[in-house]
């Protein structure tokens, strides 16, 4: 059982008796669970769990400099997922759960990578690794480094948390990519200490957090909405139906290259893979139990409160008995409409988002904007019309796989 971690919040008052006792219990736990009799990893801010030290050295670092505040899951020191906490009074359980849930970034990492614990998270010590980590493990390690590493020495927040917050503000404030890059440059050059570890541009910031599962990919499309350049057609340079070029043509030179000699795609579809987004609904401790609400918690009294109360839902269940027998099976609604992406309404341009709505969730959540699943952005400038089925091909294929 893991010792109580409340002492870690006293890191700014390291002479407090509770902090000193906590350090001793942490060291006892780490040496016992890791099976090490001599050296363990040091969770001091500068060491950042990448260097080994004796019990005396680690104890000295923790007393003099303090422990990493957001290192609340001791995967480098023997803790495994789901391990209960000890030394807690029953009446304090709610308080502890509330405290642990404050670090949402750690929860995201644990939800995204439930198969990785401290036994596979030995970052920075190649001599301890018995085999090459797979792709998923490498992503996990990369995120852990950024999660553990403070933005600068004695910073209260990590590099990963900082970037997520900044990118969230950028999204909510409708900042341009260029303005975000300018902000990063100002923060690094004028406000933060020299050792602050911030990326230099919006592109580099996106690379840091892409392993959180927020990515999408582009599929080139015919300028006349005839076909997608994917699968066996991925290498074509022109549409096999209308013959239109895949690339933008320079009006002056007549070539399909810009000044840098690079080809620019005439039209591309932004596709957001569905499967990882559905997986996250079940991997997250906050939403997994809600995915069976329509079966477990809904009251069937004839009043229409949820799509599950409708005749269409009930008729579907009668036609597909095997599907309806498993309440965890996902029910999705699909919606699409155009919007004008430019502030200047005189610009004739429309984009068509395709949005999926998870109807498994309770009615007060399934129609909330934050729970909508973006599936794709169909480019303009005109309505796709009947050609929308061309753009829906990746989604249909993924639904068939599911």
Protein backbone atom coordinates (compact mmCIF):
# COMPACT_ATOMS: atom_id res chain seq x y z
CA UNK A 1 0.00 0.00 0.00
CA UNK A 2 1.22 3.49 -0.85
CA UNK A 3 1.93 5.92 2.02
CA UNK A 4 -0.08 9.12 2.27
CA UNK A 5 1.22 11.83 -0.07
CA UNK A 6 -0.22 14.86 1.69
CA UNK A 7 3.25 15.70 3.03
CA UNK A 8 4.30 16.63 -0.53
CA UNK A 9 2.12 19.76 -0.31
CA UNK A 10 4.40 21.00 2.48
CA UNK A 11 7.38 21.24 0.14
CA UNK A 12 7.56 25.00 0.73
CA UNK A 13 7.78 24.36 4.49
CA UNK A 14 10.38 21.60 4.57
CA UNK A 15 11.11 22.02 8.28
CA UNK A 16 7.58 20.90 9.13
CA UNK A 17 7.64 17.63 11.07
CA UNK A 18 4.94 16.13 8.81
CA UNK A 19 7.14 16.77 5.77
CA UNK A 20 10.20 15.18 7.37
CA UNK A 21 8.20 12.12 8.44
CA UNK A 22 6.75 11.87 4.95
CA UNK A 23 10.24 11.86 3.42
CA UNK A 24 11.27 8.93 5.61
CA UNK A 25 8.14 6.94 4.77
CA UNK A 26 8.63 7.66 1.07
CA UNK A 27 12.24 6.39 1.22
CA UNK A 28 11.17 3.27 3.14
CA UNK A 29 8.46 2.57 0.58
CA UNK A 30 10.73 3.19 -2.45
CA UNK A 31 13.53 0.91 -1.19
CA UNK A 32 11.05 -1.82 -0.23
CA UNK A 33 8.98 -1.89 -3.44
CA UNK A 34 11.79 -1.41 -5.96
CA UNK A 35 13.87 -4.12 -4.29
CA UNK A 36 16.89 -1.83 -4.32
CA UNK A 37 19.17 -2.00 -1.29
CA UNK A 38 21.52 0.82 -2.20
CA UNK A 39 20.38 3.40 -4.79
CA UNK A 40 17.03 4.78 -5.98
CA UNK A 41 15.98 7.54 -8.37
CA UNK A 42 16.00 11.04 -6.91
CA UNK A 43 12.71 13.02 -7.33
CA UNK A 44 14.40 16.34 -6.55
CA UNK A 45 13.52 19.07 -9.10
CA UNK A 46 16.95 19.12 -10.76
CA UNK A 47 17.50 15.34 -10.66
CA UNK A 48 13.95 14.81 -12.00
CA UNK A 49 14.07 11.01 -11.49
CA UNK A 50 16.86 10.64 -14.04
CA UNK A 51 19.79 10.17 -11.65
CA UNK A 52 20.38 7.53 -8.99
CA UNK A 53 21.43 8.26 -5.43
CA UNK A 54 21.88 6.58 -2.07
CA UNK A 55 19.19 6.91 0.58
CA UNK A 56 21.27 9.55 2.32
CA UNK A 57 21.76 11.58 -0.87
CA UNK A 58 18.08 11.46 -1.86
CA UNK A 59 17.03 12.29 1.70
CA UNK A 60 19.36 15.29 1.73
CA UNK A 61 18.02 16.56 -1.61
CA UNK A 62 14.40 16.23 -0.51
CA UNK A 63 15.02 18.03 2.78
CA UNK A 64 17.12 20.83 1.34
CA UNK A 65 15.50 21.40 -2.05
CA UNK A 66 12.16 19.58 -1.94
CA UNK A 67 10.33 17.00 -4.04
CA UNK A 68 8.68 17.57 -7.44
CA UNK A 69 5.19 18.74 -6.53
CA UNK A 70 3.36 17.05 -9.40
CA UNK A 71 5.11 13.70 -8.93
CA UNK A 72 2.05 12.25 -7.18
CA UNK A 73 2.15 8.86 -8.87
CA UNK A 74 5.41 7.21 -7.79
CA UNK A 75 5.94 5.00 -10.85
CA UNK A 76 9.75 5.31 -10.53
CA UNK A 77 9.61 4.13 -6.93
CA UNK A 78 7.41 1.05 -7.02
CA UNK A 79 3.83 2.31 -7.21
CA UNK A 80 1.53 0.50 -9.63
CA UNK A 81 -1.82 1.58 -11.06
CA UNK A 82 -4.74 0.93 -8.73
CA UNK A 83 -2.57 0.48 -5.62
CA UNK A 84 -4.57 1.63 -2.56
CA UNK A 85 -3.37 4.33 -0.18
CA UNK A 86 -2.58 3.42 3.40
CA UNK A 87 -2.57 5.41 6.62
CA UNK A 88 -5.78 7.26 5.73
CA UNK A 89 -8.76 7.63 7.99
CA UNK A 90 -12.11 6.72 6.45
CA UNK A 91 -13.50 10.17 7.04
CA UNK A 92 -10.60 11.68 5.07
CA UNK A 93 -11.10 9.55 1.96
CA UNK A 94 -13.19 12.13 0.16
CA UNK A 95 -10.65 14.83 0.91
CA UNK A 96 -7.82 12.70 -0.50
CA UNK A 97 -9.76 11.83 -3.65
CA UNK A 98 -10.55 15.49 -4.13
CA UNK A 99 -6.90 16.43 -3.75
CA UNK A 100 -5.69 13.76 -6.17
CA UNK A 101 -8.20 14.75 -8.82
CA UNK A 102 -6.86 18.30 -8.94
CA UNK A 103 -4.00 17.30 -11.22
CA UNK A 104 -6.02 16.64 -14.33
CA UNK A 105 -2.94 16.27 -16.49
CA UNK A 106 -1.79 13.27 -14.49
CA UNK A 107 -5.26 11.76 -14.79
CA UNK A 108 -5.13 12.18 -18.57
CA UNK A 109 -1.78 10.37 -18.74
CA UNK A 110 -2.99 7.52 -16.57
CA UNK A 111 -6.20 7.20 -18.57
CA UNK A 112 -4.43 7.31 -21.93
CA UNK A 113 -1.73 4.78 -21.02
CA UNK A 114 -3.25 2.41 -18.42
CA UNK A 115 -0.90 -0.43 -19.39
CA UNK A 116 2.24 1.49 -18.39
CA UNK A 117 3.37 1.80 -14.80
CA UNK A 118 6.67 2.41 -13.07
CA UNK A 119 8.02 -0.99 -14.19
CA UNK A 120 8.02 0.25 -17.79
CA UNK A 121 8.72 3.92 -17.12
CA UNK A 122 12.45 3.84 -16.51
CA UNK A 123 13.25 7.02 -18.38
CA UNK A 124 16.80 7.94 -19.14
CA UNK A 125 18.49 4.73 -17.99
CA UNK A 126 19.14 2.64 -21.09
CA UNK A 127 21.23 0.20 -19.11
CA UNK A 128 18.14 -0.74 -17.10
CA UNK A 129 15.93 -1.35 -20.12
CA UNK A 130 15.81 -5.00 -21.09
CA UNK A 131 14.13 -4.41 -24.43
CA UNK A 132 13.37 -1.58 -26.83
CA UNK A 133 10.09 0.14 -25.84
CA UNK A 134 7.28 0.00 -28.39
CA UNK A 135 5.76 3.06 -30.05
CA UNK A 136 3.06 3.54 -27.40
CA UNK A 137 5.60 3.25 -24.58
CA UNK A 138 7.87 5.83 -26.23
CA UNK A 139 4.96 8.27 -26.40
CA UNK A 140 4.21 7.61 -22.75
CA UNK A 141 7.85 8.24 -21.79
CA UNK A 142 7.93 11.47 -23.77
CA UNK A 143 4.81 12.78 -22.04
CA UNK A 144 6.15 11.74 -18.64
CA UNK A 145 9.33 13.70 -19.19
CA UNK A 146 7.39 16.84 -20.02
CA UNK A 147 4.95 16.21 -17.16
CA UNK A 148 7.69 15.77 -14.56
CA UNK A 149 9.96 18.50 -15.82
CA UNK A 150 9.20 21.92 -14.29
CA UNK A 151 9.00 24.85 -16.67
CA UNK A 152 12.03 26.29 -14.91
CA UNK A 153 13.78 25.72 -11.59
CA UNK A 154 11.37 26.03 -8.64
CA UNK A 155 8.42 26.47 -11.02
CA UNK A 156 5.09 25.29 -9.59
CA UNK A 157 3.86 23.97 -12.95
CA UNK A 158 5.33 21.60 -15.50
CA UNK A 159 6.22 22.17 -19.13
CA UNK A 160 3.33 19.96 -20.31
CA UNK A 161 0.74 21.70 -18.14
CA UNK A 162 1.96 25.11 -19.33
CA UNK A 163 1.65 24.19 -23.01
CA UNK A 164 -1.80 22.69 -22.60
CA UNK A 165 -3.02 25.81 -20.82
CA UNK A 166 -1.51 28.14 -23.41
CA UNK A 167 -2.92 26.17 -26.34
CA UNK A 168 -6.33 26.10 -24.67
CA UNK A 169 -6.25 29.89 -24.30
CA UNK A 170 -5.18 30.20 -27.93
CA UNK A 171 -8.13 28.09 -29.03
CA UNK A 172 -10.68 29.92 -26.86
CA UNK A 173 -9.28 33.32 -27.86
CA UNK A 174 -9.11 32.52 -31.59
CA UNK A 175 -5.44 33.48 -31.79
CA UNK A 176 -3.55 32.99 -35.02
CA UNK A 177 -0.59 30.62 -35.16
CA UNK A 178 1.72 33.57 -35.73
CA UNK A 179 0.47 35.45 -32.67
CA UNK A 180 0.96 32.33 -30.52
CA UNK A 181 4.54 32.02 -31.74
CA UNK A 182 5.09 35.70 -30.90
CA UNK A 183 3.76 35.10 -27.38
CA UNK A 184 6.13 32.16 -26.85
CA UNK A 185 9.05 34.28 -28.00
CA UNK A 186 8.14 37.12 -25.64
CA UNK A 187 7.72 34.76 -22.69
CA UNK A 188 11.09 33.16 -23.32
CA UNK A 189 13.05 36.32 -24.08
CA UNK A 190 11.54 38.85 -21.70
CA UNK A 191 9.47 37.31 -18.89
CA UNK A 192 10.72 33.85 -17.93
CA UNK A 193 14.17 32.84 -16.65
CA UNK A 194 16.77 31.83 -19.20
CA UNK A 195 16.43 28.13 -18.35
CA UNK A 196 12.67 28.09 -19.07
CA UNK A 197 11.93 25.16 -21.36
CA UNK A 198 9.32 26.49 -23.77
CA UNK A 199 9.13 25.63 -27.48
CA UNK A 200 9.99 28.31 -30.01
CA UNK A 201 6.87 28.11 -32.16
CA UNK A 202 3.27 26.94 -32.37
CA UNK A 203 4.39 24.00 -34.52
CA UNK A 204 6.86 22.80 -31.87
CA UNK A 205 4.23 23.21 -29.13
CA UNK A 206 1.81 21.01 -31.06
CA UNK A 207 4.49 18.34 -31.42
CA UNK A 208 4.88 18.15 -27.64
CA UNK A 209 1.21 17.42 -26.92
CA UNK A 210 0.24 15.44 -30.03
CA UNK A 211 0.62 12.17 -28.09
CA UNK A 212 -2.36 13.14 -25.95
CA UNK A 213 -4.54 11.90 -28.80
CA UNK A 214 -5.67 15.30 -30.08
CA UNK A 215 -4.27 14.92 -33.58
CA UNK A 216 -5.84 14.63 -37.02
CA UNK A 217 -4.57 13.92 -40.50
CA UNK A 218 -5.22 15.38 -43.91
CA UNK A 219 -6.50 13.55 -46.98
CA UNK A 220 -6.10 15.34 -50.30
CA UNK A 221 -9.26 15.74 -52.38
CA UNK A 222 -10.13 16.58 -55.96
CA UNK A 223 -10.80 20.28 -56.45
CA UNK A 224 -14.16 19.32 -58.01
CA UNK A 225 -15.14 16.91 -55.19
CA UNK A 226 -14.82 13.84 -57.44
CA UNK A 227 -12.54 11.67 -55.30
CA UNK A 228 -10.10 11.44 -52.39
CA UNK A 229 -6.42 10.78 -52.92
CA UNK A 230 -6.11 7.95 -50.43
CA UNK A 231 -5.44 4.22 -50.33
CA UNK A 232 -4.53 3.03 -53.84
CA UNK A 233 -5.04 6.55 -55.23
CA UNK A 234 -2.66 8.20 -52.80
CA UNK A 235 0.12 8.76 -55.35
CA UNK A 236 -1.98 10.19 -58.18
CA UNK A 237 -1.22 13.72 -59.42
CA UNK A 238 -4.59 14.29 -61.07
CA UNK A 239 -8.19 13.23 -60.62
CA UNK A 240 -8.97 9.96 -62.38
CA UNK A 241 -12.55 11.14 -63.00
CA UNK A 242 -12.34 14.75 -64.18
CA UNK A 243 -8.60 15.03 -64.82
CA UNK A 244 -8.14 18.12 -62.61
CA UNK A 245 -4.69 18.58 -61.09
CA UNK A 246 -4.18 17.63 -57.46
CA UNK A 247 -1.96 20.68 -56.98
CA UNK A 248 -2.44 24.41 -57.07
CA UNK A 249 -1.20 25.90 -60.35
CA UNK A 250 0.85 29.08 -60.25
CA UNK A 251 -1.01 31.58 -62.46
CA UNK A 252 2.18 33.28 -63.58
CA UNK A 253 4.49 30.34 -64.22
CA UNK A 254 1.84 27.71 -64.94
CA UNK A 255 3.70 25.26 -62.69
CA UNK A 256 2.40 23.25 -59.76
CA UNK A 257 5.20 24.46 -57.47
CA UNK A 258 5.70 27.51 -55.33
CA UNK A 259 8.85 29.63 -55.10
CA UNK A 260 10.44 27.10 -52.75
CA UNK A 261 9.84 24.29 -55.23
CA UNK A 262 7.16 22.66 -53.10
CA UNK A 263 3.82 21.44 -54.42
CA UNK A 264 0.74 22.88 -52.70
CA UNK A 265 -2.41 20.77 -52.46
CA UNK A 266 -5.48 22.35 -54.05
CA UNK A 267 -7.96 20.91 -51.53
CA UNK A 268 -7.65 18.61 -48.51
CA UNK A 269 -10.00 17.04 -45.98
CA UNK A 270 -9.18 17.20 -42.26
CA UNK A 271 -10.10 13.85 -40.71
CA UNK A 272 -10.17 13.18 -36.97
CA UNK A 273 -9.91 9.41 -36.30
CA UNK A 274 -12.93 8.10 -34.40
CA UNK A 275 -11.57 5.01 -32.67
CA UNK A 276 -9.09 6.71 -30.32
CA UNK A 277 -11.76 9.24 -29.34
CA UNK A 278 -14.22 6.48 -28.49
CA UNK A 279 -11.50 4.66 -26.58
CA UNK A 280 -10.90 7.74 -24.48
CA UNK A 281 -14.56 7.81 -23.43
CA UNK A 282 -14.06 4.38 -21.87
CA UNK A 283 -10.49 4.97 -20.66
CA UNK A 284 -11.36 8.10 -18.71
CA UNK A 285 -12.50 7.48 -15.15
CA UNK A 286 -14.86 10.45 -15.46
CA UNK A 287 -16.82 9.21 -18.50
CA UNK A 288 -16.49 5.41 -18.59
CA UNK A 289 -19.34 4.77 -16.15
CA UNK A 290 -21.56 7.28 -17.98
CA UNK A 291 -21.33 5.36 -21.27
CA UNK A 292 -23.99 2.92 -20.02
CA UNK A 293 -26.27 5.58 -18.52
CA UNK A 294 -28.99 4.98 -21.14
CA UNK A 295 -29.28 1.40 -19.88
CA UNK A 296 -28.41 1.61 -16.15
CA UNK A 297 -29.83 4.93 -14.99
CA UNK A 298 -32.55 5.95 -17.46
CA UNK A 299 -36.13 5.83 -16.14
CA UNK A 300 -38.53 4.35 -18.71
CA UNK A 301 -41.79 6.09 -17.74
CA UNK A 302 -42.97 7.14 -21.20
CA UNK A 303 -41.61 10.70 -20.93
CA UNK A 304 -39.20 11.86 -23.64
CA UNK A 305 -36.00 12.95 -21.91
CA UNK A 306 -33.29 11.23 -23.94
CA UNK A 307 -32.94 9.71 -27.44
CA UNK A 308 -33.25 6.30 -25.75
CA UNK A 309 -36.89 7.19 -24.97
CA UNK A 310 -37.73 7.57 -28.68
CA UNK A 311 -39.55 5.07 -30.88
CA UNK A 312 -36.62 5.09 -33.32
CA UNK A 313 -34.23 3.87 -30.59
CA UNK A 314 -36.62 1.15 -29.45
CA UNK A 315 -37.30 0.02 -33.01
CA UNK A 316 -33.56 -0.22 -33.63
CA UNK A 317 -33.17 -2.39 -30.52
CA UNK A 318 -35.87 -4.75 -31.78
CA UNK A 319 -34.15 -5.12 -35.15
CA UNK A 320 -30.65 -5.57 -33.72
CA UNK A 321 -31.07 -7.65 -30.58
CA UNK A 322 -27.41 -8.69 -30.26
CA UNK A 323 -26.23 -5.08 -30.49
CA UNK A 324 -28.82 -3.86 -27.98
CA UNK A 325 -27.90 -6.62 -25.50
CA UNK A 326 -24.55 -4.93 -24.75
CA UNK A 327 -25.16 -1.48 -23.17
CA UNK A 328 -21.54 -0.45 -23.74
CA UNK A 329 -22.04 -0.47 -27.50
CA UNK A 330 -21.82 3.10 -28.73
CA UNK A 331 -24.78 4.97 -30.22
CA UNK A 332 -23.77 7.96 -32.34
CA UNK A 333 -25.74 10.76 -33.92
CA UNK A 334 -24.31 12.59 -36.94
CA UNK A 335 -24.80 16.24 -37.84
CA UNK A 336 -23.33 18.55 -40.47
CA UNK A 337 -23.85 22.12 -41.57
CA UNK A 338 -21.86 24.90 -43.17
CA UNK A 339 -20.26 27.89 -41.51
CA UNK A 340 -18.38 30.92 -42.71
CA UNK A 341 -14.80 30.73 -41.35
CA UNK A 342 -13.88 34.31 -42.25
CA UNK A 343 -14.95 37.45 -40.44
CA UNK A 344 -15.51 39.25 -43.72
CA UNK A 345 -18.94 37.96 -44.72
CA UNK A 346 -18.40 39.26 -48.25
CA UNK A 347 -15.92 36.41 -48.80
CA UNK A 348 -17.90 33.57 -50.35
CA UNK A 349 -16.52 30.58 -48.55
CA UNK A 350 -18.08 27.82 -46.44
CA UNK A 351 -16.65 24.88 -44.49
CA UNK A 352 -18.72 21.83 -43.57
CA UNK A 353 -17.89 20.20 -40.22
CA UNK A 354 -19.22 16.69 -39.59
CA UNK A 355 -19.91 16.18 -35.89
CA UNK A 356 -20.73 12.96 -33.99
CA UNK A 357 -22.80 12.99 -30.80
CA UNK A 358 -22.36 10.10 -28.29
CA UNK A 359 -25.92 9.29 -27.23
CA UNK A 360 -24.76 6.84 -24.54
CA UNK A 361 -24.17 9.80 -22.23
CA UNK A 362 -26.94 11.25 -20.03
CA UNK A 363 -29.07 14.03 -21.57
CA UNK A 364 -27.33 16.83 -19.67
CA UNK A 365 -24.00 15.76 -21.21
CA UNK A 366 -24.58 14.26 -24.64
CA UNK A 367 -25.69 17.57 -26.16
CA UNK A 368 -22.94 19.65 -24.53
CA UNK A 369 -20.53 21.12 -27.04
CA UNK A 370 -17.48 19.79 -25.19
CA UNK A 371 -18.76 16.21 -25.64
CA UNK A 372 -19.29 16.49 -29.39
CA UNK A 373 -16.80 14.49 -31.43
CA UNK A 374 -15.38 16.33 -34.41
CA UNK A 375 -15.17 13.81 -37.25
CA UNK A 376 -14.04 15.87 -40.22
CA UNK A 377 -13.85 19.31 -41.79
CA UNK A 378 -14.96 19.29 -45.42
CA UNK A 379 -13.23 22.18 -47.24
CA UNK A 380 -14.98 24.84 -49.31
CA UNK A 381 -15.47 27.21 -50.88
CA UNK A 382 -18.77 25.62 -51.95
CA UNK A 383 -21.25 23.17 -50.49
CA UNK A 384 -20.23 19.56 -51.27
CA UNK A 385 -23.85 18.69 -52.12
CA UNK A 386 -24.28 15.09 -53.26
CA UNK A 387 -20.49 14.72 -53.21
CA UNK A 388 -20.55 14.64 -49.41
CA UNK A 389 -20.50 10.83 -49.66
CA UNK A 390 -17.00 11.12 -51.19
CA UNK A 391 -15.77 12.86 -48.06
CA UNK A 392 -17.58 10.49 -45.69
CA UNK A 393 -15.61 7.47 -46.96
CA UNK A 394 -12.97 7.45 -44.17
CA UNK A 395 -15.67 7.68 -41.49
CA UNK A 396 -17.79 4.95 -43.11
CA UNK A 397 -14.76 2.67 -43.32
CA UNK A 398 -13.93 3.22 -39.66
CA UNK A 399 -17.54 2.62 -38.62
CA UNK A 400 -17.55 -0.63 -40.62
CA UNK A 401 -14.39 -1.72 -38.83
CA UNK A 402 -16.04 -0.98 -35.50
